[in-house]
Amino acid sequence: MGHRVSDQPHRYAALGKDPIATIGREELKARLDRGELIKLIMALNRWAFDAKHIPGSRHFDNPDELYSALREDDELIVYCSNVDCLSSVALYRALVERGYHNVRRYAGGLIDWEDAGLPLEGTQVATEEATGRDRPAEH
């Protein structure tokens, strides 16, 4: 029997007791492929966003920029690097606390997306493709 990985962060990374509403990779990809009106927000810093992000993602450099660009009824999906990453948990909690009621977290984040071989954008993606670093070493 395989071990199932939780979509909830470790208790020390949860930043609260209430469960976090999540979306899985397959559903997120399908919704992006259909061009649905969701706002996908990468919660990591500008350097990380510039290096790699899921196509269609948005990044905000500060809370004022974030809150002025979002409406309370927008469908928001936040992510960062992986299930225990504090950035998307903190952003999720802040949005819910501020009254945004349609917020979910893509817990797998960049690592899950990239492990599945799905496309990414950013300066590091172009560098890895040019050098072949994204391919396993040949023996």
Protein backbone atom coordinates (compact mmCIF):
# COMPACT_ATOMS: atom_id res chain seq x y z
CA MET A 1 0.00 0.00 0.00
CA GLY A 2 1.46 3.39 -1.03
CA HIS A 3 1.92 6.34 1.27
CA ARG A 4 -0.45 9.21 0.49
CA VAL A 5 1.01 12.69 0.78
CA SER A 6 -1.32 15.14 2.49
CA ASP A 7 -2.38 18.35 0.79
CA GLN A 8 -2.31 20.03 4.21
CA PRO A 9 0.92 21.54 5.52
CA HIS A 10 2.79 20.10 8.48
CA ARG A 11 1.20 21.27 11.72
CA TYR A 12 4.13 23.64 12.36
CA ALA A 13 3.66 25.20 8.91
CA ALA A 14 -0.14 25.46 9.03
CA LEU A 15 -0.24 28.90 10.71
CA GLY A 16 -3.64 28.10 12.17
CA LYS A 17 -6.00 25.27 13.01
CA ASP A 18 -8.61 25.65 10.24
CA PRO A 19 -8.07 23.34 7.26
CA ILE A 20 -6.87 24.94 4.05
CA ALA A 21 -9.03 24.61 0.93
CA THR A 22 -6.89 23.10 -1.81
CA ILE A 23 -6.79 22.29 -5.50
CA GLY A 24 -4.82 19.43 -7.02
CA ARG A 25 -2.47 19.54 -9.97
CA GLU A 26 -4.81 17.82 -12.45
CA GLU A 27 -7.75 20.11 -11.68
CA LEU A 28 -5.54 23.21 -11.79
CA LYS A 29 -4.01 22.20 -15.12
CA ALA A 30 -7.44 21.44 -16.62
CA ARG A 31 -8.81 24.79 -15.50
CA LEU A 32 -5.80 26.66 -16.87
CA ASP A 33 -6.05 24.73 -20.15
CA ARG A 34 -9.72 25.76 -20.45
CA GLY A 35 -8.77 29.39 -19.84
CA GLU A 36 -11.04 29.74 -16.82
CA LEU A 37 -11.06 33.05 -15.00
CA ILE A 38 -8.91 32.20 -12.03
CA LYS A 39 -6.15 34.29 -10.56
CA LEU A 40 -3.12 32.12 -9.95
CA ILE A 41 -0.76 33.82 -7.51
CA MET A 42 2.79 32.75 -6.73
CA ALA A 43 3.53 33.61 -3.12
CA LEU A 44 7.32 33.42 -3.32
CA ASN A 45 9.59 36.44 -3.74
CA ARG A 46 10.31 38.30 -7.00
CA TRP A 47 13.60 36.43 -7.62
CA ALA A 48 11.86 33.07 -7.40
CA PHE A 49 8.98 34.24 -9.62
CA ASP A 50 11.37 35.60 -12.25
CA ALA A 51 13.32 32.32 -12.20
CA LYS A 52 10.37 29.90 -12.47
CA HIS A 53 6.60 30.08 -12.29
CA ILE A 54 3.54 28.32 -13.64
CA PRO A 55 2.37 29.99 -16.87
CA GLY A 56 -0.41 32.49 -16.21
CA SER A 57 0.77 33.19 -12.66
CA ARG A 58 0.81 36.61 -11.14
CA HIS A 59 3.19 37.97 -8.54
CA PHE A 60 2.78 40.95 -6.26
CA ASP A 61 5.68 42.71 -4.59
CA ASN A 62 3.70 44.00 -1.62
CA PRO A 63 0.30 43.63 0.06
CA ASP A 64 -1.06 46.98 -1.23
CA GLU A 65 -0.37 45.91 -4.82
CA LEU A 66 -2.00 42.54 -4.16
CA TYR A 67 -5.16 43.80 -2.50
CA SER A 68 -5.71 46.57 -5.06
CA ALA A 69 -5.57 44.03 -7.90
CA LEU A 70 -8.04 41.54 -6.39
CA ARG A 71 -11.77 41.59 -5.75
CA GLU A 72 -13.33 39.67 -2.89
CA ASP A 73 -15.32 37.50 -5.32
CA ASP A 74 -12.32 36.59 -7.53
CA GLU A 75 -11.39 32.94 -7.65
CA LEU A 76 -7.87 32.87 -6.22
CA ILE A 77 -5.36 30.04 -6.22
CA VAL A 78 -2.12 30.56 -4.32
CA TYR A 79 1.03 28.45 -4.48
CA CYS A 80 4.71 28.43 -3.66
CA SER A 81 7.29 25.64 -3.74
CA ASN A 82 5.71 22.63 -1.96
CA VAL A 83 3.17 21.47 0.62
CA ASP A 84 5.09 22.76 3.66
CA CYS A 85 6.09 26.14 2.17
CA LEU A 86 4.95 28.91 4.52
CA SER A 87 4.56 31.59 1.84
CA SER A 88 1.37 30.26 0.25
CA VAL A 89 -0.04 29.22 3.63
CA ALA A 90 0.48 32.75 4.99
CA LEU A 91 -1.01 34.33 1.85
CA TYR A 92 -3.99 31.96 1.95
CA ARG A 93 -4.66 32.78 5.61
CA ALA A 94 -4.29 36.56 5.00
CA LEU A 95 -6.72 36.52 2.07
CA VAL A 96 -9.34 34.52 3.96
CA GLU A 97 -8.95 36.77 7.01
CA ARG A 98 -9.50 39.83 4.78
CA GLY A 99 -12.80 38.46 3.49
CA TYR A 100 -11.80 36.76 0.24
CA HIS A 101 -14.10 33.76 0.21
CA ASN A 102 -13.04 31.91 -2.95
CA VAL A 103 -9.42 31.03 -2.14
CA ARG A 104 -7.66 27.72 -2.59
CA ARG A 105 -4.05 26.60 -2.32
CA TYR A 106 -2.18 24.46 -4.81
CA ALA A 107 -0.22 22.63 -2.14
CA GLY A 108 2.14 20.73 -4.46
CA GLY A 109 3.47 23.99 -5.83
CA LEU A 110 6.35 24.37 -8.25
CA ILE A 111 8.00 21.09 -7.28
CA ASP A 112 4.89 19.01 -7.96
CA TRP A 113 4.19 20.89 -11.22
CA GLU A 114 7.75 20.49 -12.50
CA ASP A 115 7.96 16.82 -11.38
CA ALA A 116 4.91 16.14 -13.56
CA GLY A 117 6.77 17.58 -16.57
CA LEU A 118 4.36 20.48 -16.93
CA PRO A 119 5.52 23.75 -18.51
CA LEU A 120 7.08 26.56 -16.55
CA GLU A 121 8.11 30.08 -17.48
CA GLY A 122 11.02 32.19 -16.28
CA THR A 123 14.68 32.96 -16.74
CA GLN A 124 15.89 29.74 -15.08
CA VAL A 125 13.62 27.62 -17.28
CA ALA A 126 15.25 29.02 -20.42
CA THR A 127 18.72 28.45 -18.92
CA GLU A 128 17.95 24.83 -17.97
CA GLU A 129 16.51 24.09 -21.42
CA ALA A 130 19.56 25.61 -23.15
CA THR A 131 22.05 23.64 -21.04
CA GLY A 132 20.04 20.42 -20.86
CA ARG A 133 20.15 20.50 -17.04
CA ASP A 134 16.51 19.45 -16.85
CA ARG A 135 17.31 16.06 -18.43
CA PRO A 136 18.71 13.14 -16.47
CA ALA A 137 22.38 12.40 -17.00
CA GLU A 138 23.13 9.70 -19.56
CA HIS A 139 25.34 6.79 -18.53
